[in-house]
Amino acid sequence: MKRNHFGILAALVGAVVFWASCGSEQQQQVQQQPVYDANTGTTALVDDYWAKDNFDLQRVGDLLERSDSPEEFERYLNEPGGINNLDLNGDGYVDYVSVREFDDRDPYERGLSLYSQFGPDLIQEIASVIFYRDEPRYPGARILLRGDDRLYGDNVYYETNWLDRTLQIASFLFSDRNDYYRSPYYYDNYPSWYETYEVVETPVYHTRVVELYPQPVFVYTTSPDFVQKIKIKSPNNGLHLGQIKAKLVKPTKEQEVFIKNNPRTVKAAKVDKGARPADVKRGNDKPGKDNDPSRLGPPQKAEAPKGGPPAKPAQVEKPKGDKPGGKPDKTGKGPGGKGKKP
């Protein structure tokens, strides 16, 4: 009788393993399906690559907490091996994320726009960050981060309340200034410290950000406490690229047609080879002297990647019906570095 029980148990275990393997194979088939590429006239396997899963909004808060200025915040966003694994144009290399202060402001509110820019009026906003003070003399701010609807869907918010603590970036944003930060850097025009790096598979990226920031300081919510009080708007509000090779939660009709006719066929790296930020832990850690944004100066031409000269950057046509985003600020702008490898 015991042998019969043992045989039945072994058969059940075998069946579970069999069905699990079948499910895994089915999942892989869903993630990579053969799709016809109208550009090349060939059929290729397409990566199931979602934009929302490759730029972790919740962990952006950890970078804000460490930043003294929008410029330093921008640098943290673009460190290799950090929170950015976003590749909207599908060339296999992580997009540069630019930061711009809102021109729109009042005594209680300040804002930052996070976006990728591929030309003077080729802008895709990724998220916006609102700093709100119930009273202008508070040392910190309530912070609300909202993901762009197209990338993340409706009502995707992350928030925290740092009103009663000194927050350097909030002090900077609420300071009395006439000049507002607008990144002079964008695709194919990078700062001297920036190095392009490859996109990794989404599960590899998730493992990385959790290791870096196991307890994020922002909390997810669909109904923020003070969202009704917000009056200021992002300068990039509503701007989007018509040509994106990444899956979006709420694509425009133009984006939906483009990704259907131009499927993403990039093979992401299975191993995270990107250099991790040396000073990633929370606290008073700052970049070294050579990393201080105030010492960066104008961007210099980047060196060609090893293994041959860089190829011509992927072309992105001007999206129809988009509002122009305006040309980047020329102040401090030097010659652009080479673009990402295709």
Protein backbone atom coordinates (compact mmCIF):
# COMPACT_ATOMS: atom_id res chain seq x y z
CA MET A 1 0.00 0.00 0.00
CA LYS A 2 2.81 2.40 0.85
CA ARG A 3 4.41 1.72 -2.51
CA ASN A 4 1.13 2.54 -4.23
CA HIS A 5 0.92 5.81 -2.30
CA PHE A 6 4.50 6.59 -3.24
CA GLY A 7 3.75 5.86 -6.90
CA ILE A 8 0.68 8.08 -6.87
CA LEU A 9 2.65 10.91 -5.23
CA ALA A 10 5.45 10.59 -7.78
CA ALA A 11 2.91 10.69 -10.62
CA LEU A 12 1.33 13.85 -9.19
CA VAL A 13 4.70 15.56 -8.84
CA GLY A 14 5.58 14.61 -12.41
CA ALA A 15 2.29 16.02 -13.68
CA VAL A 16 2.83 19.33 -11.84
CA VAL A 17 6.33 19.67 -13.28
CA PHE A 18 5.03 18.86 -16.76
CA TRP A 19 2.24 21.44 -16.65
CA ALA A 20 4.56 24.05 -15.13
CA SER A 21 7.03 23.57 -17.98
CA CYS A 22 4.21 23.82 -20.51
CA GLY A 23 3.04 27.06 -18.89
CA SER A 24 6.57 28.43 -18.99
CA GLU A 25 6.89 27.61 -22.68
CA GLN A 26 3.54 29.25 -23.38
CA GLN A 27 4.62 32.35 -21.48
CA GLN A 28 7.81 32.56 -23.50
CA GLN A 29 5.80 32.24 -26.68
CA VAL A 30 3.60 35.13 -25.56
CA GLN A 31 6.61 37.28 -24.71
CA GLN A 32 8.36 36.67 -28.01
CA GLN A 33 6.13 36.18 -31.02
CA PRO A 34 7.15 36.22 -34.70
CA VAL A 35 5.98 39.49 -36.27
CA TYR A 36 6.44 40.83 -39.77
CA ASP A 37 8.67 43.95 -39.96
CA ALA A 38 7.46 46.25 -42.74
CA ASN A 39 10.80 48.09 -42.84
CA THR A 40 12.98 45.07 -43.54
CA GLY A 41 10.44 42.73 -45.13
CA THR A 42 11.40 40.01 -42.68
CA THR A 43 9.81 38.17 -39.77
CA ALA A 44 11.50 38.44 -36.38
CA LEU A 45 10.88 37.66 -32.72
CA VAL A 46 9.59 40.68 -30.85
CA ASP A 47 10.48 41.56 -27.27
CA ASP A 48 7.58 42.08 -24.86
CA TYR A 49 9.08 45.35 -23.66
CA TRP A 50 6.85 47.73 -21.68
CA ALA A 51 7.99 51.29 -21.07
CA LYS A 52 6.28 51.39 -17.66
CA ASP A 53 8.33 48.41 -16.42
CA ASN A 54 11.70 49.90 -17.31
CA PHE A 55 11.69 53.24 -15.53
CA ASP A 56 10.79 52.72 -11.87
CA LEU A 57 8.84 55.82 -10.84
CA GLN A 58 8.60 54.82 -7.19
CA ARG A 59 12.37 54.76 -6.76
CA VAL A 60 12.80 58.18 -8.33
CA GLY A 61 12.06 59.48 -4.84
CA ASP A 62 15.34 58.09 -3.54
CA LEU A 63 17.21 60.19 -6.09
CA LEU A 64 15.25 63.34 -5.26
CA GLU A 65 16.12 62.86 -1.60
CA ARG A 66 19.85 62.93 -2.43
CA SER A 67 19.83 65.78 -4.96
CA ASP A 68 20.76 69.41 -4.29
CA SER A 69 19.49 70.69 -7.65
CA PRO A 70 17.60 69.60 -10.79
CA GLU A 71 20.93 69.26 -12.60
CA GLU A 72 22.28 66.85 -10.01
CA PHE A 73 18.98 64.98 -10.05
CA GLU A 74 19.31 64.58 -13.83
CA ARG A 75 22.76 63.11 -13.39
CA TYR A 76 21.54 60.55 -10.88
CA LEU A 77 18.74 59.54 -13.27
CA ASN A 78 21.25 58.75 -16.00
CA GLU A 79 23.90 56.83 -14.06
CA PRO A 80 24.65 53.42 -15.61
CA GLY A 81 23.28 50.54 -13.59
CA GLY A 82 20.66 52.79 -11.95
CA ILE A 83 16.89 53.19 -12.24
CA ASN A 84 16.78 53.94 -15.95
CA ASN A 85 16.32 51.07 -18.42
CA LEU A 86 14.08 52.98 -20.82
CA ASP A 87 14.54 52.54 -24.57
CA LEU A 88 11.74 54.26 -26.45
CA ASN A 89 13.33 54.34 -29.91
CA GLY A 90 14.23 50.65 -29.83
CA ASP A 91 17.93 50.89 -30.64
CA GLY A 92 18.98 48.69 -27.70
CA TYR A 93 20.56 51.48 -25.66
CA VAL A 94 19.04 53.30 -22.69
CA ASP A 95 17.57 56.73 -23.49
CA TYR A 96 18.93 59.85 -21.82
CA VAL A 97 16.38 61.37 -19.41
CA SER A 98 16.35 65.18 -19.33
CA VAL A 99 14.97 67.39 -16.56
CA ARG A 100 13.29 70.78 -16.85
CA GLU A 101 11.88 73.13 -14.23
CA PHE A 102 8.31 74.28 -14.74
CA ASP A 103 8.03 77.87 -15.94
CA ASP A 104 4.58 77.81 -14.37
CA ARG A 105 4.79 78.33 -10.58
CA ASP A 106 3.21 80.04 -7.61
CA PRO A 107 4.24 80.65 -3.97
CA TYR A 108 3.13 77.14 -2.98
CA GLU A 109 4.13 75.01 -5.97
CA ARG A 110 7.18 74.08 -8.02
CA GLY A 111 7.59 71.35 -10.61
CA LEU A 112 10.03 69.27 -12.63
CA SER A 113 9.41 67.50 -15.93
CA LEU A 114 11.24 64.26 -16.76
CA TYR A 115 11.36 63.52 -20.48
CA SER A 116 13.30 62.01 -23.37
CA GLN A 117 14.12 64.31 -26.28
CA PHE A 118 15.15 63.20 -29.76
CA GLY A 119 15.14 66.61 -31.45
CA PRO A 120 14.03 70.24 -30.90
CA ASP A 121 10.34 69.31 -30.95
CA LEU A 122 10.54 65.52 -30.50
CA ILE A 123 9.74 65.14 -26.82
CA GLN A 124 8.12 62.35 -24.86
CA GLU A 125 7.32 63.27 -21.27
CA ILE A 126 7.95 60.41 -18.85
CA ALA A 127 6.72 61.90 -15.59
CA SER A 128 6.24 65.15 -13.71
CA VAL A 129 7.18 65.93 -10.10
CA ILE A 130 5.22 68.49 -8.06
CA PHE A 131 6.62 70.07 -4.88
CA TYR A 132 3.87 71.58 -2.72
CA ARG A 133 4.17 73.66 0.46
CA ASP A 134 1.10 74.36 2.58
CA GLU A 135 2.98 77.41 3.79
CA PRO A 136 5.95 78.89 1.84
CA ARG A 137 8.22 78.96 4.92
CA TYR A 138 8.27 75.18 5.37
CA PRO A 139 11.78 73.68 4.96
CA GLY A 140 10.65 70.80 2.76
CA ALA A 141 7.61 69.96 0.65
CA ARG A 142 4.94 67.45 -0.09
CA ILE A 143 6.03 65.65 -3.25
CA LEU A 144 3.79 64.09 -5.87
CA LEU A 145 5.17 62.22 -8.86
CA ARG A 146 2.82 61.41 -11.74
CA GLY A 147 3.62 59.06 -14.61
CA ASP A 148 2.67 60.06 -18.14
CA ASP A 149 -0.70 58.57 -19.09
CA ARG A 150 0.54 57.02 -22.31
CA LEU A 151 3.43 55.20 -20.66
CA TYR A 152 1.87 54.31 -17.30
CA GLY A 153 -1.90 54.65 -17.65
CA ASP A 154 -4.41 56.84 -15.79
CA ASN A 155 -3.88 58.05 -12.23
CA VAL A 156 -0.47 56.55 -11.52
CA TYR A 157 0.91 58.59 -8.62
CA TYR A 158 3.66 58.25 -6.03
CA GLU A 159 3.87 60.61 -3.07
CA THR A 160 5.55 61.43 0.22
CA ASN A 161 5.34 64.17 2.83
CA TRP A 162 8.68 65.84 3.57
CA LEU A 163 7.23 69.18 4.69
CA ASP A 164 8.94 69.26 8.07
CA ARG A 165 12.42 68.21 6.98
CA THR A 166 15.10 70.12 5.16
CA LEU A 167 15.20 68.99 1.55
CA GLN A 168 17.94 70.56 -0.54
CA ILE A 169 16.26 70.25 -3.93
CA ALA A 170 13.07 71.81 -2.52
CA SER A 171 15.08 74.70 -1.08
CA PHE A 172 16.65 75.22 -4.49
CA LEU A 173 13.35 75.14 -6.36
CA PHE A 174 11.63 77.55 -3.96
CA SER A 175 14.58 79.95 -3.88
CA ASP A 176 14.26 83.41 -5.43
CA ARG A 177 15.77 83.00 -8.89
CA ASN A 178 15.20 84.39 -12.37
CA ASP A 179 16.78 81.47 -14.24
CA TYR A 180 15.07 78.09 -14.30
CA TYR A 181 16.93 74.89 -15.10
CA ARG A 182 16.33 73.39 -18.53
CA SER A 183 18.61 70.57 -19.55
CA PRO A 184 20.75 71.39 -22.61
CA TYR A 185 21.28 67.65 -23.15
CA TYR A 186 19.27 65.22 -25.25
CA TYR A 187 19.67 62.34 -27.73
CA ASP A 188 22.99 62.58 -29.59
CA ASN A 189 24.05 65.60 -27.49
CA TYR A 190 25.25 64.26 -24.16
CA PRO A 191 27.31 65.73 -21.29
CA SER A 192 30.97 64.73 -21.07
CA TRP A 193 30.39 62.42 -18.10
CA TYR A 194 27.64 60.39 -19.80
CA GLU A 195 28.29 56.97 -21.31
CA THR A 196 25.71 55.06 -23.32
CA TYR A 197 24.81 51.64 -21.94
CA GLU A 198 22.75 48.70 -23.13
CA VAL A 199 19.20 47.86 -22.16
CA VAL A 200 18.86 44.73 -20.04
CA GLU A 201 15.90 42.35 -19.87
CA THR A 202 13.10 43.64 -17.67
CA PRO A 203 13.44 40.92 -14.96
CA VAL A 204 17.17 41.71 -14.72
CA TYR A 205 16.34 45.40 -14.37
CA HIS A 206 13.75 44.72 -11.65
CA THR A 207 16.27 42.71 -9.66
CA ARG A 208 18.75 45.56 -9.97
CA VAL A 209 16.51 48.37 -8.71
CA VAL A 210 15.22 46.29 -5.80
CA GLU A 211 18.80 45.57 -4.75
CA LEU A 212 19.66 49.28 -5.01
CA TYR A 213 16.55 50.59 -3.23
CA PRO A 214 14.86 47.77 -1.26
CA GLN A 215 12.61 50.21 0.64
CA PRO A 216 11.57 53.08 -1.67
CA VAL A 217 10.63 56.34 0.00
CA PHE A 218 7.60 57.05 -2.23
CA VAL A 219 4.19 55.41 -1.76
CA TYR A 220 1.86 54.42 -4.61
CA THR A 221 -1.60 55.99 -4.65
CA THR A 222 -4.43 56.57 -7.11
CA SER A 223 -5.95 59.46 -5.12
CA PRO A 224 -3.27 61.84 -3.72
CA ASP A 225 -4.19 64.08 -0.79
CA PHE A 226 -3.46 67.43 -2.42
CA VAL A 227 -3.88 66.73 -6.13
CA GLN A 228 -6.90 69.07 -6.31
CA LYS A 229 -4.74 71.96 -5.09
CA ILE A 230 -2.26 71.69 -7.96
CA LYS A 231 -2.55 74.54 -10.43
CA ILE A 232 0.76 74.53 -12.28
CA LYS A 233 1.32 72.54 -15.47
CA SER A 234 4.36 70.92 -17.01
CA PRO A 235 5.89 72.67 -20.05
CA ASN A 236 5.94 69.22 -21.70
CA ASN A 237 2.37 68.32 -20.79
CA GLY A 238 0.77 66.41 -23.67
CA LEU A 239 3.95 66.15 -25.75
CA HIS A 240 4.60 62.70 -27.12
CA LEU A 241 6.51 60.86 -29.82
CA GLY A 242 4.56 59.27 -32.62
CA GLN A 243 7.28 56.68 -33.15
CA ILE A 244 7.93 54.58 -30.05
CA LYS A 245 9.19 50.99 -30.10
CA ALA A 246 7.99 50.07 -26.63
CA LYS A 247 4.61 48.92 -25.38
CA LEU A 248 2.46 51.69 -23.90
CA VAL A 249 -0.56 51.43 -21.62
CA LYS A 250 -2.53 54.16 -23.46
CA PRO A 251 -0.89 54.71 -26.84
CA THR A 252 -2.23 57.30 -29.25
CA LYS A 253 -3.62 55.97 -32.52
CA GLU A 254 -0.43 57.13 -34.23
CA GLN A 255 1.77 55.30 -31.73
CA GLU A 256 -0.36 52.16 -31.94
CA VAL A 257 -0.11 52.04 -35.75
CA PHE A 258 3.63 52.69 -35.70
CA ILE A 259 4.51 49.94 -33.24
CA LYS A 260 2.29 47.51 -35.17
CA ASN A 261 4.10 48.24 -38.43
CA ASN A 262 7.55 48.61 -36.86
CA PRO A 263 7.86 45.93 -34.14
CA ARG A 264 10.67 46.06 -31.65
CA THR A 265 13.23 43.36 -32.48
CA VAL A 266 16.03 44.42 -30.14
CA LYS A 267 17.54 41.66 -28.03
CA ALA A 268 18.04 42.95 -24.48
CA ALA A 269 21.04 41.77 -22.46
CA LYS A 270 20.37 38.88 -20.07
CA VAL A 271 23.13 40.00 -17.71
CA ASP A 272 23.41 43.40 -16.08
CA LYS A 273 26.81 44.60 -17.25
CA GLY A 274 26.23 48.27 -16.52
CA ALA A 275 28.41 49.91 -13.89
CA ARG A 276 26.55 50.46 -10.64
CA PRO A 277 26.56 53.95 -9.14
CA ALA A 278 29.37 54.13 -6.61
CA ASP A 279 27.35 56.28 -4.20
CA VAL A 280 23.91 54.78 -4.41
CA LYS A 281 23.03 54.54 -0.73
CA ARG A 282 20.78 57.11 0.87
CA GLY A 283 22.22 59.79 3.09
CA ASN A 284 24.61 62.65 2.47
CA ASP A 285 26.51 60.87 -0.27
CA LYS A 286 27.32 63.07 -3.24
CA PRO A 287 29.35 62.65 -6.39
CA GLY A 288 33.06 63.35 -6.11
CA LYS A 289 34.65 66.60 -7.24
CA ASP A 290 34.89 65.45 -10.82
CA ASN A 291 31.20 64.51 -10.67
CA ASP A 292 29.96 67.79 -9.21
CA PRO A 293 27.43 69.16 -11.74
CA SER A 294 28.61 72.72 -11.06
CA ARG A 295 32.05 71.71 -12.35
CA LEU A 296 30.84 69.88 -15.42
CA GLY A 297 31.01 72.74 -17.89
CA PRO A 298 29.69 72.35 -21.43
CA PRO A 299 29.28 68.86 -22.86
CA GLN A 300 32.18 67.50 -24.83
CA LYS A 301 32.17 65.17 -27.77
CA ALA A 302 31.96 61.62 -26.55
CA GLU A 303 34.57 59.08 -27.52
CA ALA A 304 33.63 56.38 -30.00
CA PRO A 305 32.63 53.10 -28.34
CA LYS A 306 35.17 50.33 -28.44
CA GLY A 307 34.98 47.94 -31.34
CA GLY A 308 34.53 50.49 -34.12
CA PRO A 309 32.98 53.87 -34.86
CA PRO A 310 29.41 54.53 -33.73
CA ALA A 311 26.72 53.91 -36.30
CA LYS A 312 24.30 56.52 -37.48
CA PRO A 313 21.57 57.16 -34.86
CA ALA A 314 18.12 55.80 -35.60
CA GLN A 315 15.98 58.38 -37.36
CA VAL A 316 12.80 59.57 -35.71
CA GLU A 317 10.33 61.43 -37.86
CA LYS A 318 8.44 64.42 -36.56
CA PRO A 319 5.14 63.24 -35.03
CA LYS A 320 2.04 64.69 -36.61
CA GLY A 321 -0.09 67.01 -34.54
CA ASP A 322 2.36 67.42 -31.65
CA LYS A 323 3.01 70.78 -30.15
CA PRO A 324 6.59 71.92 -30.59
CA GLY A 325 8.63 71.53 -27.47
CA GLY A 326 10.98 74.37 -28.34
CA LYS A 327 14.71 74.23 -28.87
CA PRO A 328 16.92 73.36 -25.95
CA ASP A 329 18.61 76.15 -24.07
CA LYS A 330 21.87 77.00 -25.84
CA THR A 331 23.50 78.22 -22.64
CA GLY A 332 26.53 76.13 -21.87
CA LYS A 333 25.89 73.87 -24.84
CA GLY A 334 28.93 72.40 -26.52
CA PRO A 335 29.34 69.98 -29.39
CA GLY A 336 27.13 66.91 -29.09
CA GLY A 337 28.44 63.45 -28.37
CA LYS A 338 27.72 60.55 -30.65
CA GLY A 339 24.40 58.81 -30.40
CA LYS A 340 23.60 55.41 -29.08
CA LYS A 341 24.57 52.39 -31.09
CA PRO A 342 21.72 51.00 -33.21
